[in-house]
Protein backbone atom coordinates (compact mmCIF):
# COMPACT_ATOMS: atom_id res chain seq x y z
CA PHE A 1 -37.71 -15.01 60.03
CA LEU A 2 -37.86 -10.72 60.19
CA ALA A 3 -36.69 -10.53 56.74
CA ALA A 4 -38.86 -13.43 55.75
CA ALA A 5 -42.02 -12.04 57.37
CA ALA A 6 -41.24 -8.77 56.07
CA ALA A 7 -40.89 -10.19 52.90
CA SER A 8 -39.68 -8.94 49.41
CA LEU A 9 -39.60 -6.78 46.64
CA LEU A 10 -38.99 -3.63 44.15
CA TRP A 11 -39.14 -0.52 42.72
CA GLY A 12 -42.34 1.33 41.53
CA ALA A 13 -42.54 4.45 39.14
CA GLY A 14 -41.61 7.67 40.32
CA ALA A 15 -42.49 10.91 39.63
CA ALA A 16 -40.11 14.16 41.09
CA VAL A 17 -38.00 13.15 43.74
CA PRO A 18 -38.88 15.21 47.09
CA PRO A 19 -35.71 15.54 49.58
CA ALA A 20 -33.90 12.54 51.14
CA ARG A 21 -35.53 11.36 54.04
CA ALA A 22 -33.39 11.51 57.32
CA ALA A 23 -31.93 8.34 58.06
CA THR A 24 -33.31 7.92 61.59
CA ASP A 25 -37.13 7.93 59.96
CA LEU A 26 -36.02 5.22 57.36
CA ALA A 27 -34.64 3.35 60.48
CA ALA A 28 -37.98 3.68 62.29
CA PHE A 29 -40.09 3.11 58.89
CA VAL A 30 -38.17 -0.40 58.74
CA ASN A 31 -38.61 -1.27 62.73
CA GLU A 32 -42.22 -0.33 62.22
CA VAL A 33 -42.70 -2.83 59.44
CA ALA A 34 -40.99 -5.67 61.77
CA ASP A 35 -43.16 -4.56 64.69
CA ALA A 36 -46.24 -4.67 62.83
CA SER A 37 -45.21 -7.70 61.34
CA ILE A 38 -44.25 -9.74 64.36
CA THR A 39 -47.63 -8.13 65.88
CA SER A 40 -50.02 -9.01 63.13
CA LEU A 41 -48.14 -12.55 62.99
CA SER A 42 -48.44 -13.36 66.49
CA LYS A 43 -52.12 -12.52 67.31
CA ALA A 44 -53.02 -14.35 64.48
CA ASP A 45 -54.59 -17.92 64.75
CA PRO A 46 -51.36 -20.27 64.39
CA THR A 47 -52.76 -21.71 61.13
CA ASP A 48 -51.44 -20.28 57.59
CA PRO A 49 -53.97 -19.44 56.41
CA ALA A 50 -55.00 -16.73 59.33
CA ARG A 51 -51.50 -16.32 58.86
CA ALA A 52 -51.52 -15.47 55.53
CA ALA A 53 -54.37 -13.03 56.30
CA ALA A 54 -52.87 -11.16 58.68
CA LEU A 55 -49.39 -10.58 56.38
CA LYS A 56 -51.11 -9.39 53.55
CA PRO A 57 -52.44 -6.23 55.08
CA ILE A 58 -48.98 -5.51 55.60
CA LEU A 59 -47.67 -6.53 52.36
CA LEU A 60 -50.30 -3.66 50.79
CA LYS A 61 -49.56 -1.13 53.29
CA TYR A 62 -45.63 -1.24 53.61
CA PHE A 63 -44.35 -3.03 50.48
CA ASP A 64 -44.38 -1.84 46.86
CA MET A 65 -46.10 -4.89 45.53
CA PRO A 66 -47.33 -3.32 42.07
CA GLY A 67 -43.65 -2.28 41.84
CA MET A 68 -42.22 -5.94 42.72
CA SER A 69 -44.98 -8.07 40.91
CA LYS A 70 -43.28 -5.92 37.63
CA HIS A 71 -39.75 -6.59 38.67
CA VAL A 72 -40.24 -10.50 39.15
CA LEU A 73 -41.82 -11.23 35.97
CA GLY A 74 -39.26 -8.71 34.25
CA ALA A 75 -39.52 -8.72 30.29
CA TYR A 76 -43.02 -10.55 30.36
CA TRP A 77 -45.00 -7.80 31.95
CA LYS A 78 -44.90 -5.92 29.09
CA LYS A 79 -46.28 -8.62 26.77
CA ILE A 80 -49.57 -8.94 29.33
CA SER A 81 -52.44 -7.06 29.48
CA PRO A 82 -52.92 -4.09 32.12
CA ASP A 83 -55.64 -6.71 33.26
CA GLN A 84 -53.43 -9.54 33.51
CA GLN A 85 -50.51 -6.99 35.15
CA SER A 86 -53.58 -6.12 38.12
CA ALA A 87 -54.30 -9.65 38.65
CA PHE A 88 -50.82 -11.01 38.48
CA THR A 89 -50.30 -8.44 41.19
CA THR A 90 -53.25 -9.41 43.37
CA ALA A 91 -51.81 -13.30 43.22
CA PHE A 92 -48.41 -12.59 43.36
CA THR A 93 -49.17 -10.74 46.79
CA ASN A 94 -51.68 -13.47 48.09
CA TYR A 95 -47.97 -16.24 47.00
CA VAL A 96 -46.28 -14.19 49.15
CA ALA A 97 -48.66 -13.44 52.20
CA SER A 98 -49.10 -17.73 52.00
CA VAL A 99 -44.94 -18.39 51.47
CA TYR A 100 -43.98 -15.76 54.39
CA GLY A 101 -46.74 -16.23 56.36
CA GLN A 102 -45.68 -20.31 56.80
CA ARG A 103 -42.45 -19.30 58.01
CA PHE A 104 -43.81 -17.69 60.87
CA LYS A 105 -43.35 -21.11 62.42
CA GLU A 106 -39.76 -20.70 62.64
CA TYR A 107 -40.05 -17.23 64.50
CA LYS A 108 -38.33 -17.73 68.14
CA GLY A 109 -38.04 -14.29 69.54
CA GLN A 110 -35.18 -12.71 67.50
CA LYS A 111 -34.95 -8.77 67.20
CA LEU A 112 -34.17 -6.72 63.99
CA GLU A 113 -31.30 -3.98 64.89
CA VAL A 114 -30.47 -1.28 62.86
CA LYS A 115 -26.53 -0.89 62.10
CA ARG A 116 -26.50 2.08 59.45
CA VAL A 117 -28.93 3.84 56.55
CA ARG A 118 -27.67 4.46 52.84
CA ASP A 119 -30.02 7.23 51.63
CA GLN A 120 -29.29 7.93 48.40
CA GLY A 121 -33.11 10.55 47.87
CA ALA A 122 -35.81 8.22 45.98
CA SER A 123 -34.00 5.08 47.06
CA ALA A 124 -32.38 3.93 50.57
CA THR A 125 -30.67 0.92 52.08
CA VAL A 126 -31.31 0.28 55.88
CA PHE A 127 -28.73 -2.47 56.98
CA THR A 128 -29.67 -4.27 59.89
CA ALA A 129 -29.39 -7.86 61.29
CA VAL A 130 -31.51 -9.99 63.19
CA ALA A 131 -30.31 -11.17 66.60
CA GLY A 132 -31.35 -13.12 69.79
CA GLY A 133 -34.53 -16.27 70.30
CA SER A 134 -33.88 -19.20 71.03
CA GLU A 135 -31.57 -19.44 67.78
CA ASP A 136 -28.02 -18.13 67.14
CA ALA A 137 -29.22 -16.16 64.39
CA GLY A 138 -26.93 -12.86 63.60
CA ALA A 139 -28.46 -12.63 59.74
CA ARG A 140 -27.77 -9.51 58.12
CA VAL A 141 -30.92 -8.27 56.35
CA ASP A 142 -30.66 -5.02 53.78
CA TRP A 143 -33.84 -3.26 53.10
CA GLU A 144 -33.88 -1.76 50.08
CA ILE A 145 -36.52 1.00 50.14
CA ASN A 146 -38.54 3.20 47.61
CA SER A 147 -38.50 6.69 49.38
CA SER A 148 -39.52 8.63 46.13
CA GLY A 149 -43.43 9.03 46.92
CA ALA A 150 -45.43 10.45 49.71
CA THR A 151 -44.71 7.29 52.16
CA PRO A 152 -41.44 5.08 52.21
CA LEU A 153 -42.31 1.23 50.68
CA VAL A 154 -40.28 -1.75 51.19
CA ALA A 155 -38.75 -2.71 47.26
CA ASP A 156 -36.26 -5.55 48.25
CA ILE A 157 -35.02 -7.33 51.00
CA ARG A 158 -31.86 -8.85 50.57
CA VAL A 159 -30.81 -11.76 53.36
CA GLU A 160 -27.31 -12.31 53.36
CA GLY A 161 -26.58 -10.72 50.00
CA LEU A 162 -29.53 -12.73 48.45
CA SER A 163 -32.42 -10.87 46.77
CA LEU A 164 -35.90 -11.97 47.68
CA ALA A 165 -37.00 -10.58 44.75
CA ASP A 166 -34.64 -11.59 42.21
CA THR A 167 -34.74 -14.68 43.51
CA HIS A 168 -38.89 -15.30 42.97
CA ARG A 169 -37.83 -13.40 39.25
CA GLN A 170 -35.79 -16.59 38.80
CA GLU A 171 -37.84 -18.82 39.71
CA PHE A 172 -41.12 -17.13 38.17
CA THR A 173 -38.95 -16.65 34.30
CA SER A 174 -38.31 -20.43 34.47
CA VAL A 175 -42.14 -21.13 35.22
CA LEU A 176 -42.80 -18.69 32.32
CA SER A 177 -40.50 -20.15 29.63
CA GLN A 178 -41.55 -23.62 30.43
CA HIS A 179 -45.21 -23.11 29.80
CA GLY A 180 -44.78 -20.72 26.15
CA GLY A 181 -45.19 -17.11 28.68
CA ASP A 182 -48.56 -18.22 29.98
CA ILE A 183 -49.26 -15.45 32.83
CA ASN A 184 -52.42 -18.09 33.35
CA ALA A 185 -49.69 -21.26 34.22
CA LEU A 186 -48.22 -18.89 36.45
CA MET A 187 -50.55 -17.95 38.57
């Protein structure tokens, strides 16, 4: 669940690349995201709308939702107006909050353990494992971090090697192609 609650997604534009962040800072950042997600969702009313409402501020604070929105639309992003891009980013953020907020029902006390950090300056990968709780977990969860801005942002999450951003991109591309590229049909 920790991977799902933290939810997905991809990179934004970066101007000048600041010096690489210390691996401990990036590990602490991922732990902060996981802790904030669990705390917010645990305090929320156990209804799906309440969990979605609790997750949305986490997404807006810690995730690169504009960059992820651009990534999941792929080539369709350039075909829509700036107003449609903004509306899609809002709709996509709400969608992610709803989908992954619902998955919090599956949370059974698992813990996230940072294994290592690969820092590449403007981007980094924080390799973690989910373990504990009432289920035999142990899933590998890799956090792609955009660290080119003033604060790091989650750009994607890979669960056992499967990119959540790429999964949404495939789903959305399929819907758009079935509807002649009409973004309103997707939203």
